[in-house]
Amino acid sequence: MNQRTLAIVAAIGATTIYGINHTVAKGVMPDLVGPFGFIMLRVTGAAALFWGISVFGPKEKIHPKDYLRLLLCAVLGMGFNMLVFFKGLSLSTPINSSVLVTTTPIIVLILSALFIKEHIGQKKILGILIGLLGALGLILFGAETRQDAPNIPLGNILILMNSVFYGSYLIAVKQLLSKYHPFTFMKWLFTLGVFICLPFGYREFTAIDWSLLPTQALWSIAFVIIGTTFCTYLFNIYALTRLKASTLSSFVYVQPLFGILFAIGTGQDQITLTKVIAACLVLLGVYLASRKPKKRGAEQIKA
């Protein structure tokens, strides 16, 4: 198996875990663990794991001129990205979050055009508009009456903001990945994440009553720390060394499939016509926005 194929397998693995995470994390929040308290568990646990495996990597130091970019990546990828997603998920539903996170490629495309001047053709512009229309429809018309989803429109907006922060992270992090080993990079990224999230999550973290948590909740927390955080970030960081940020972001195509099937199979959510229409619009928009233009002749644009 060549390195590019291995990177694709890693990206698919991360996407699958993310799809399952919508339901697993939702099963714990907000009754047993607050969303910001859960984020403290995520970043602290992942930081410890990455420091543990860093002994198997090279001994590297972060160059002083990279401190600011590293901090920016931590804010986008370890701080605001996680905080708004878990808060949004606690207010919304697993299927809504599964659909809305697929807007990431559209966000990456928009940000690439703004900051690195990537050209956007007419089909991509159409894809952006269709995808955002689907997301907007889910936000405005996706409200339901659910005890575990107290404010679905606000939750959907926060989940959409997660795509903005994560898309920005994918663009900002690319430069650092070419300079540092993934173990070195991730241990410092998550360490910074602990301090960034601490002011938001300290109160909810200290409010967790561990004696009242059922075994299923403990397993869910372990899955989020080890699977959704440690493994997925490791998988994605490896995939980014072999794939473009826009290519990696396109793997969210698969996430709604796993997310919706797992949510329905476990009885945590149900399909509605609004969700189906919104999902179709978002996925069509992502497809058009991510589709690579053909060059004349045999040469194709490198993925």
Protein backbone atom coordinates (compact mmCIF):
# COMPACT_ATOMS: atom_id res chain seq x y z
CA MET A 1 0.00 0.00 0.00
CA ASN A 2 1.57 3.31 -1.11
CA GLN A 3 1.58 6.39 1.08
CA ARG A 4 -1.18 8.20 -0.80
CA THR A 5 -3.51 5.20 -0.51
CA LEU A 6 -2.68 4.94 3.19
CA ALA A 7 -3.54 8.64 3.58
CA ILE A 8 -6.91 8.04 1.92
CA VAL A 9 -7.60 5.09 4.24
CA ALA A 10 -6.70 7.28 7.23
CA ALA A 11 -9.07 10.02 6.00
CA ILE A 12 -11.92 7.51 5.58
CA GLY A 13 -11.25 6.11 9.06
CA ALA A 14 -11.39 9.59 10.58
CA THR A 15 -14.61 10.39 8.74
CA THR A 16 -16.25 7.17 9.93
CA ILE A 17 -15.37 7.91 13.55
CA TYR A 18 -16.67 11.46 13.19
CA GLY A 19 -19.96 10.12 11.81
CA ILE A 20 -20.46 7.84 14.81
CA ASN A 21 -19.39 10.59 17.20
CA HIS A 22 -22.50 12.70 16.52
CA THR A 23 -24.65 10.12 18.29
CA VAL A 24 -22.13 8.93 20.90
CA ALA A 25 -21.32 12.42 22.21
CA LYS A 26 -24.96 13.50 22.06
CA GLY A 27 -25.87 10.58 24.34
CA VAL A 28 -23.80 12.14 27.14
CA MET A 29 -24.70 15.81 26.67
CA PRO A 30 -26.07 17.90 28.19
CA ASP A 31 -27.61 15.91 31.05
CA LEU A 32 -24.52 14.04 32.26
CA VAL A 33 -21.67 16.24 31.04
CA GLY A 34 -21.86 19.85 29.85
CA PRO A 35 -20.52 20.49 26.33
CA PHE A 36 -17.65 22.72 27.44
CA GLY A 37 -16.76 20.31 30.24
CA PHE A 38 -16.68 17.54 27.65
CA ILE A 39 -14.25 19.58 25.56
CA MET A 40 -11.94 19.86 28.55
CA LEU A 41 -11.97 16.06 28.78
CA ARG A 42 -11.22 15.84 25.04
CA VAL A 43 -8.26 18.19 24.88
CA THR A 44 -6.74 17.14 28.21
CA GLY A 45 -7.01 13.43 27.41
CA ALA A 46 -5.69 13.85 23.87
CA ALA A 47 -2.81 16.05 25.06
CA ALA A 48 -1.76 13.33 27.52
CA LEU A 49 -1.96 10.67 24.79
CA PHE A 50 0.10 12.69 22.31
CA TRP A 51 2.74 13.48 24.92
CA GLY A 52 2.87 9.75 25.65
CA ILE A 53 3.49 8.69 22.04
CA SER A 54 5.82 11.61 21.32
CA VAL A 55 8.67 9.59 22.86
CA PHE A 56 8.54 7.44 19.71
CA GLY A 57 9.03 10.46 17.46
CA PRO A 58 12.03 12.72 16.87
CA LYS A 59 13.08 15.29 19.45
CA GLU A 60 12.10 18.59 17.91
CA LYS A 61 11.63 22.14 19.08
CA ILE A 62 9.14 24.58 17.63
CA HIS A 63 10.94 27.46 15.93
CA PRO A 64 10.07 30.83 17.54
CA LYS A 65 8.83 32.25 14.23
CA ASP A 66 6.18 29.47 14.13
CA TYR A 67 4.72 30.23 17.57
CA LEU A 68 2.07 32.61 16.26
CA ARG A 69 0.84 30.21 13.54
CA LEU A 70 0.85 27.34 16.04
CA LEU A 71 -1.29 29.42 18.40
CA LEU A 72 -3.64 30.30 15.53
CA CYS A 73 -4.03 26.59 14.65
CA ALA A 74 -4.72 25.77 18.29
CA VAL A 75 -7.40 28.47 18.54
CA LEU A 76 -9.09 27.33 15.32
CA GLY A 77 -8.66 23.56 15.59
CA MET A 78 -8.46 22.83 19.33
CA GLY A 79 -10.43 25.72 20.78
CA PHE A 80 -13.28 27.43 18.98
CA ASN A 81 -13.83 24.54 16.55
CA MET A 82 -14.50 22.03 19.34
CA LEU A 83 -16.33 24.42 21.64
CA VAL A 84 -18.93 25.56 19.13
CA PHE A 85 -19.43 22.04 17.75
CA PHE A 86 -20.14 20.37 21.09
CA LYS A 87 -22.28 23.28 22.26
CA GLY A 88 -24.20 23.12 18.98
CA LEU A 89 -24.59 19.33 19.21
CA SER A 90 -25.93 19.63 22.76
CA LEU A 91 -28.63 22.00 21.45
CA SER A 92 -29.37 20.22 18.16
CA THR A 93 -29.65 16.62 16.87
CA PRO A 94 -27.13 14.05 15.53
CA ILE A 95 -28.55 14.07 11.99
CA ASN A 96 -28.53 17.87 11.80
CA SER A 97 -24.88 17.97 12.85
CA SER A 98 -23.99 15.15 10.42
CA VAL A 99 -25.46 17.15 7.55
CA LEU A 100 -24.12 20.57 8.50
CA VAL A 101 -20.49 19.50 8.92
CA THR A 102 -20.48 18.53 5.24
CA THR A 103 -20.34 22.24 4.43
CA THR A 104 -16.61 22.15 5.36
CA PRO A 105 -15.37 21.78 1.73
CA ILE A 106 -17.49 24.77 0.74
CA ILE A 107 -16.04 26.81 3.59
CA VAL A 108 -12.50 25.72 2.66
CA LEU A 109 -13.12 26.78 -0.94
CA ILE A 110 -14.43 30.21 0.11
CA LEU A 111 -11.53 30.76 2.52
CA SER A 112 -9.00 29.55 -0.09
CA ALA A 113 -10.37 32.11 -2.53
CA LEU A 114 -10.17 34.88 0.06
CA PHE A 115 -6.76 34.17 1.55
CA ILE A 116 -4.71 32.23 -1.03
CA LYS A 117 -6.51 33.57 -4.12
CA GLU A 118 -7.67 30.18 -5.40
CA HIS A 119 -9.79 30.58 -8.54
CA ILE A 120 -13.50 29.74 -8.23
CA GLY A 121 -15.35 28.86 -11.43
CA GLN A 122 -19.06 29.23 -12.14
CA LYS A 123 -19.89 25.62 -11.20
CA LYS A 124 -18.13 26.01 -7.87
CA ILE A 125 -19.98 29.24 -7.17
CA LEU A 126 -23.25 27.44 -7.96
CA GLY A 127 -22.20 24.62 -5.61
CA ILE A 128 -21.45 27.08 -2.83
CA LEU A 129 -24.86 28.72 -3.19
CA ILE A 130 -26.74 25.40 -3.28
CA GLY A 131 -24.83 24.01 -0.30
CA LEU A 132 -25.36 27.10 1.78
CA LEU A 133 -29.04 27.10 0.79
CA GLY A 134 -29.37 23.58 2.21
CA ALA A 135 -27.60 24.58 5.42
CA LEU A 136 -29.77 27.68 5.75
CA GLY A 137 -32.91 25.61 5.20
CA LEU A 138 -31.92 23.22 7.97
CA ILE A 139 -31.27 26.13 10.32
CA LEU A 140 -34.54 27.94 9.56
CA PHE A 141 -36.93 25.00 9.07
CA GLY A 142 -35.29 22.14 10.97
CA ALA A 143 -36.73 22.92 14.39
CA GLU A 144 -38.32 20.02 16.28
CA THR A 145 -39.73 19.51 19.76
CA ARG A 146 -37.20 17.36 21.61
CA GLN A 147 -36.26 17.31 25.25
CA ASP A 148 -32.60 16.59 24.44
CA ALA A 149 -32.42 19.34 21.80
CA PRO A 150 -33.57 22.57 23.51
CA ASN A 151 -32.61 25.06 20.78
CA ILE A 152 -32.12 23.39 17.41
CA PRO A 153 -31.81 26.58 15.24
CA LEU A 154 -29.07 28.01 17.49
CA GLY A 155 -27.38 24.62 17.67
CA ASN A 156 -27.38 24.38 13.87
CA ILE A 157 -25.81 27.84 13.58
CA LEU A 158 -23.04 26.85 16.01
CA ILE A 159 -22.39 23.62 14.10
CA LEU A 160 -22.09 25.65 10.89
CA MET A 161 -19.61 27.92 12.66
CA ASN A 162 -17.62 24.78 13.49
CA SER A 163 -17.18 24.21 9.75
CA VAL A 164 -15.82 27.76 9.39
CA PHE A 165 -13.26 27.26 12.17
CA TYR A 166 -12.26 23.76 11.02
CA GLY A 167 -11.92 24.88 7.41
CA SER A 168 -9.68 27.73 8.53
CA TYR A 169 -7.63 25.27 10.59
CA LEU A 170 -7.07 22.99 7.57
CA ILE A 171 -5.67 25.90 5.59
CA ALA A 172 -3.54 27.36 8.40
CA VAL A 173 -2.05 24.04 9.51
CA LYS A 174 -0.72 22.91 6.12
CA GLN A 175 2.48 24.98 6.30
CA LEU A 176 3.49 23.62 9.72
CA LEU A 177 2.93 19.99 8.74
CA SER A 178 5.78 20.17 6.25
CA LYS A 179 8.20 21.25 8.99
CA TYR A 180 7.40 19.12 12.05
CA HIS A 181 6.69 15.50 12.89
CA PRO A 182 2.96 14.90 13.59
CA PHE A 183 3.66 13.75 17.18
CA THR A 184 5.60 16.93 17.95
CA PHE A 185 3.03 19.13 16.34
CA MET A 186 -0.04 17.54 17.94
CA LYS A 187 1.32 17.40 21.49
CA TRP A 188 1.91 21.15 21.47
CA LEU A 189 -1.32 21.88 19.63
CA PHE A 190 -3.42 20.04 22.23
CA THR A 191 -1.41 21.46 25.11
CA LEU A 192 -2.26 24.95 23.91
CA GLY A 193 -5.84 23.72 23.44
CA VAL A 194 -6.09 22.89 27.14
CA PHE A 195 -5.28 26.48 28.11
CA ILE A 196 -7.53 27.96 25.42
CA CYS A 197 -10.53 25.86 26.51
CA LEU A 198 -9.92 26.15 30.25
CA PRO A 199 -11.75 29.48 30.79
CA PHE A 200 -14.81 28.11 28.95
CA GLY A 201 -14.88 24.58 30.32
CA TYR A 202 -13.52 24.74 33.89
CA ARG A 203 -16.89 25.21 35.60
CA GLU A 204 -18.64 22.41 33.68
CA PHE A 205 -15.61 20.14 34.03
CA THR A 206 -15.52 20.49 37.82
CA ALA A 207 -19.30 20.02 37.95
CA ILE A 208 -19.12 16.45 36.55
CA ASP A 209 -20.33 13.97 39.17
CA TRP A 210 -18.28 10.91 38.24
CA SER A 211 -20.05 8.72 40.79
CA LEU A 212 -23.36 9.17 38.94
CA LEU A 213 -22.05 8.46 35.44
CA PRO A 214 -23.29 5.10 34.10
CA THR A 215 -20.85 2.70 32.47
CA GLN A 216 -22.22 3.54 29.01
CA ALA A 217 -21.41 7.22 29.55
CA LEU A 218 -17.85 6.37 30.57
CA TRP A 219 -17.41 4.30 27.42
CA SER A 220 -18.79 7.19 25.37
CA ILE A 221 -16.32 9.61 26.97
CA ALA A 222 -13.47 7.19 26.26
CA PHE A 223 -14.59 6.88 22.63
CA VAL A 224 -14.64 10.66 22.19
CA ILE A 225 -11.18 11.12 23.77
CA ILE A 226 -9.40 8.17 22.14
CA GLY A 227 -11.35 7.80 18.91
CA THR A 228 -12.89 11.14 17.97
CA THR A 229 -9.98 13.23 19.22
CA PHE A 230 -6.71 11.28 19.40
CA CYS A 231 -7.17 8.89 16.46
CA THR A 232 -8.99 11.26 14.09
CA TYR A 233 -6.54 14.12 14.54
CA LEU A 234 -3.66 11.68 14.07
CA PHE A 235 -5.31 10.23 10.96
CA ASN A 236 -6.08 13.66 9.53
CA ILE A 237 -2.65 15.06 10.29
CA TYR A 238 -1.09 12.15 8.40
CA ALA A 239 -3.55 12.51 5.52
CA LEU A 240 -2.72 16.21 5.23
CA THR A 241 0.94 15.34 4.63
CA ARG A 242 -0.10 13.51 1.43
CA LEU A 243 -3.33 15.25 0.36
CA LYS A 244 -4.47 18.81 -0.24
CA ALA A 245 -6.66 20.44 2.41
CA SER A 246 -9.50 20.67 -0.13
CA THR A 247 -9.14 16.96 -0.95
CA LEU A 248 -9.18 15.94 2.71
CA SER A 249 -12.20 18.12 3.44
CA SER A 250 -14.15 16.35 0.65
CA PHE A 251 -14.19 13.14 2.72
CA VAL A 252 -17.05 14.63 4.73
CA TYR A 253 -19.22 13.27 1.89
CA VAL A 254 -19.19 9.97 3.77
CA GLN A 255 -19.87 11.41 7.21
CA PRO A 256 -23.65 11.96 6.86
CA LEU A 257 -24.07 8.35 5.70
CA PHE A 258 -22.41 6.91 8.80
CA GLY A 259 -23.87 9.59 11.06
CA ILE A 260 -27.46 9.14 9.90
CA LEU A 261 -27.37 5.33 9.82
CA PHE A 262 -25.83 5.14 13.30
CA ALA A 263 -28.25 7.71 14.75
CA ILE A 264 -31.29 5.92 13.34
CA GLY A 265 -29.96 2.45 14.19
CA THR A 266 -29.47 3.40 17.84
CA GLY A 267 -32.80 5.22 18.04
CA GLN A 268 -31.21 8.60 18.82
CA ASP A 269 -32.72 10.46 15.87
CA GLN A 270 -35.19 10.13 13.02
CA ILE A 271 -35.42 11.17 9.39
CA THR A 272 -37.71 14.05 8.39
CA LEU A 273 -38.48 15.49 4.95
CA THR A 274 -36.70 18.73 5.86
CA LYS A 275 -33.54 16.84 6.79
CA VAL A 276 -33.63 14.81 3.56
CA ILE A 277 -34.07 17.89 1.35
CA ALA A 278 -31.39 19.84 3.23
CA ALA A 279 -28.96 16.90 3.08
CA CYS A 280 -29.49 16.54 -0.68
CA LEU A 281 -28.90 20.26 -1.27
CA VAL A 282 -25.77 20.32 0.90
CA LEU A 283 -24.26 17.21 -0.70
CA LEU A 284 -25.07 18.45 -4.22
CA GLY A 285 -23.48 21.78 -3.37
CA VAL A 286 -20.39 20.11 -1.94
CA TYR A 287 -20.11 17.90 -5.03
CA LEU A 288 -20.26 20.86 -7.41
CA ALA A 289 -17.91 22.96 -5.28
CA SER A 290 -15.36 20.15 -4.92
CA ARG A 291 -15.49 18.87 -8.51
CA LYS A 292 -12.20 19.40 -10.27
CA PRO A 293 -12.30 21.14 -13.66
CA LYS A 294 -11.00 19.11 -16.57
CA LYS A 295 -8.00 20.29 -18.51
CA ARG A 296 -7.75 19.92 -22.22
CA GLY A 297 -5.77 16.82 -23.05
CA ALA A 298 -4.82 13.91 -20.89
CA GLU A 299 -3.35 15.90 -18.02
CA GLN A 300 -5.63 16.25 -14.98
CA ILE A 301 -5.28 18.60 -12.08
CA LYS A 302 -3.46 16.86 -9.24
CA ALA A 303 -5.75 16.00 -6.31
